[in-house]
Amino acid sequence: MNKIIIYILIFIFFNFIFKHFILSTKEGLENNCKTPSDAKGGCKTIAVEKNILAASYTKKVVENTKKEITDLMNKVSKLISSEEVQMNKNTDGIEQNAKHVKQMNAALKPDN
C-alpha cells in the first residue's frame, strides 16, 4: 500500500514538473520574441502560427463581407425592378388621366 502511494506521489510530482516545463517554455517563447524577425526556432514557429491564424480570420471575414455585399446588391436590384414596374404603372395612369381630362373638357363644351 505504501509503494502505491509513493508511486502516485512520484507520478504527480513528475506530472507537475512536465506541465510547468511545457507552459513556461510556451510563455517564454511568446514573451521573448521581440519581433517576428527573431526567426530562431520557436519564435519563427509562433510568428508563422499567428500569421496563419490572422490570414484565415481575414479570409473568413472577406468571404462573409463578399456574401453580404452580394445579398445587398440583389436586394437593391429587386427594389429597382419593382420601382421601375410601379413607375411604369404610374406613368400609364397619368397618361390615362390626361386623356380623361381632355375628354371631360370636350364633353363640357357646349355644342355650337
Protein backbone atom coordinates (compact mmCIF):
# COMPACT_ATOMS: atom_id res chain seq x y z
CA MET A 1 0.00 0.00 0.00
CA ASN A 2 2.84 2.37 0.84
CA LYS A 3 4.52 1.68 -2.51
CA ILE A 4 1.34 2.62 -4.37
CA ILE A 5 1.10 5.94 -2.52
CA ILE A 6 4.78 6.67 -3.19
CA TYR A 7 4.37 5.84 -6.90
CA ILE A 8 1.29 8.05 -7.12
CA LEU A 9 3.14 10.93 -5.44
CA ILE A 10 6.12 10.49 -7.79
CA PHE A 11 3.77 10.43 -10.78
CA ILE A 12 2.00 13.60 -9.63
CA PHE A 13 5.36 15.29 -8.97
CA PHE A 14 6.66 14.46 -12.47
CA ASN A 15 3.33 15.48 -13.96
CA PHE A 16 3.59 18.93 -12.32
CA ILE A 17 7.19 19.32 -13.47
CA PHE A 18 6.28 18.32 -17.02
CA LYS A 19 3.29 20.71 -17.18
CA HIS A 20 5.34 23.54 -15.69
CA PHE A 21 8.13 22.98 -18.21
CA ILE A 22 5.75 23.00 -21.19
CA LEU A 23 3.80 26.05 -20.02
CA SER A 24 6.88 28.06 -19.07
CA THR A 25 8.56 27.23 -22.39
CA LYS A 26 5.49 28.30 -24.36
CA GLU A 27 5.05 31.53 -22.38
CA GLY A 28 8.78 32.19 -22.52
CA LEU A 29 8.81 31.93 -26.29
CA GLU A 30 5.79 34.17 -26.73
CA ASN A 31 7.13 36.82 -24.34
CA ASN A 32 10.76 36.78 -25.52
CA CYS A 33 10.12 37.14 -29.24
CA LYS A 34 10.62 40.87 -29.75
CA THR A 35 9.77 40.90 -33.44
CA PRO A 36 8.82 38.25 -35.97
CA SER A 37 12.30 38.72 -37.44
CA ASP A 38 13.76 36.93 -34.41
CA ALA A 39 13.39 33.88 -36.60
CA LYS A 40 15.16 31.35 -34.45
CA GLY A 41 13.24 28.16 -33.91
CA GLY A 42 10.32 28.77 -31.59
CA CYS A 43 9.94 32.47 -32.38
CA LYS A 44 9.59 31.69 -36.06
CA THR A 45 7.06 28.95 -35.31
CA ILE A 46 4.98 31.28 -33.15
CA ALA A 47 5.13 34.05 -35.77
CA VAL A 48 4.10 31.64 -38.52
CA GLU A 49 1.20 30.26 -36.46
CA LYS A 50 -0.03 33.76 -35.63
CA ASN A 51 0.22 34.74 -39.31
CA ILE A 52 -1.71 31.63 -40.35
CA LEU A 53 -4.46 32.40 -37.82
CA ALA A 54 -4.63 36.03 -38.91
CA ALA A 55 -4.75 35.06 -42.59
CA SER A 56 -7.53 32.52 -42.04
CA TYR A 57 -9.52 35.06 -40.00
CA THR A 58 -9.07 37.69 -42.70
CA LYS A 59 -10.09 35.23 -45.42
CA LYS A 60 -13.22 34.33 -43.46
CA VAL A 61 -14.14 37.99 -42.90
CA VAL A 62 -13.59 38.80 -46.60
CA GLU A 63 -15.80 35.88 -47.67
CA ASN A 64 -18.57 36.97 -45.28
CA THR A 65 -18.29 40.56 -46.49
CA LYS A 66 -18.48 39.49 -50.14
CA LYS A 67 -21.60 37.45 -49.35
CA GLU A 68 -23.22 40.39 -47.55
CA ILE A 69 -22.40 42.75 -50.43
CA THR A 70 -23.84 40.29 -52.96
CA ASP A 71 -27.02 39.94 -50.88
CA LEU A 72 -27.38 43.72 -50.64
CA MET A 73 -26.84 44.10 -54.39
CA ASN A 74 -29.55 41.51 -55.05
CA LYS A 75 -31.96 43.34 -52.73
CA VAL A 76 -31.21 46.67 -54.43
CA SER A 77 -31.68 45.10 -57.87
CA LYS A 78 -35.06 43.67 -56.86
CA LEU A 79 -36.07 47.01 -55.35
CA ILE A 80 -35.08 48.88 -58.53
CA SER A 81 -37.03 46.41 -60.66
CA SER A 82 -40.16 46.74 -58.53
CA GLU A 83 -39.85 50.54 -58.51
CA GLU A 84 -39.49 50.54 -62.30
CA VAL A 85 -42.68 48.49 -62.67
CA GLN A 86 -44.52 50.83 -60.29
CA MET A 87 -43.20 53.90 -62.14
CA ASN A 88 -44.42 52.48 -65.46
CA LYS A 89 -47.86 51.88 -63.94
CA ASN A 90 -47.91 55.43 -62.59
CA THR A 91 -46.88 56.84 -65.98
CA ASP A 92 -49.66 54.90 -67.69
CA GLY A 93 -52.11 56.18 -65.07
CA ILE A 94 -51.00 59.79 -65.59
CA GLU A 95 -51.38 59.45 -69.37
CA GLN A 96 -54.84 57.94 -68.92
CA ASN A 97 -55.82 60.77 -66.53
CA ALA A 98 -54.65 63.38 -69.05
CA LYS A 99 -56.70 61.65 -71.75
CA HIS A 100 -59.77 61.62 -69.47
CA VAL A 101 -59.31 65.33 -68.65
CA LYS A 102 -59.30 66.14 -72.39
CA GLN A 103 -62.43 64.02 -72.87
CA MET A 104 -64.17 65.75 -69.95
CA ASN A 105 -63.23 69.20 -71.29
CA ALA A 106 -64.60 68.21 -74.69
CA ALA A 107 -67.79 66.89 -73.10
CA LEU A 108 -68.33 70.07 -71.04
CA LYS A 109 -68.03 72.41 -74.04
CA PRO A 110 -71.40 73.42 -75.40
CA ASP A 111 -72.20 72.31 -78.88
CA ASN A 112 -72.46 75.20 -81.30
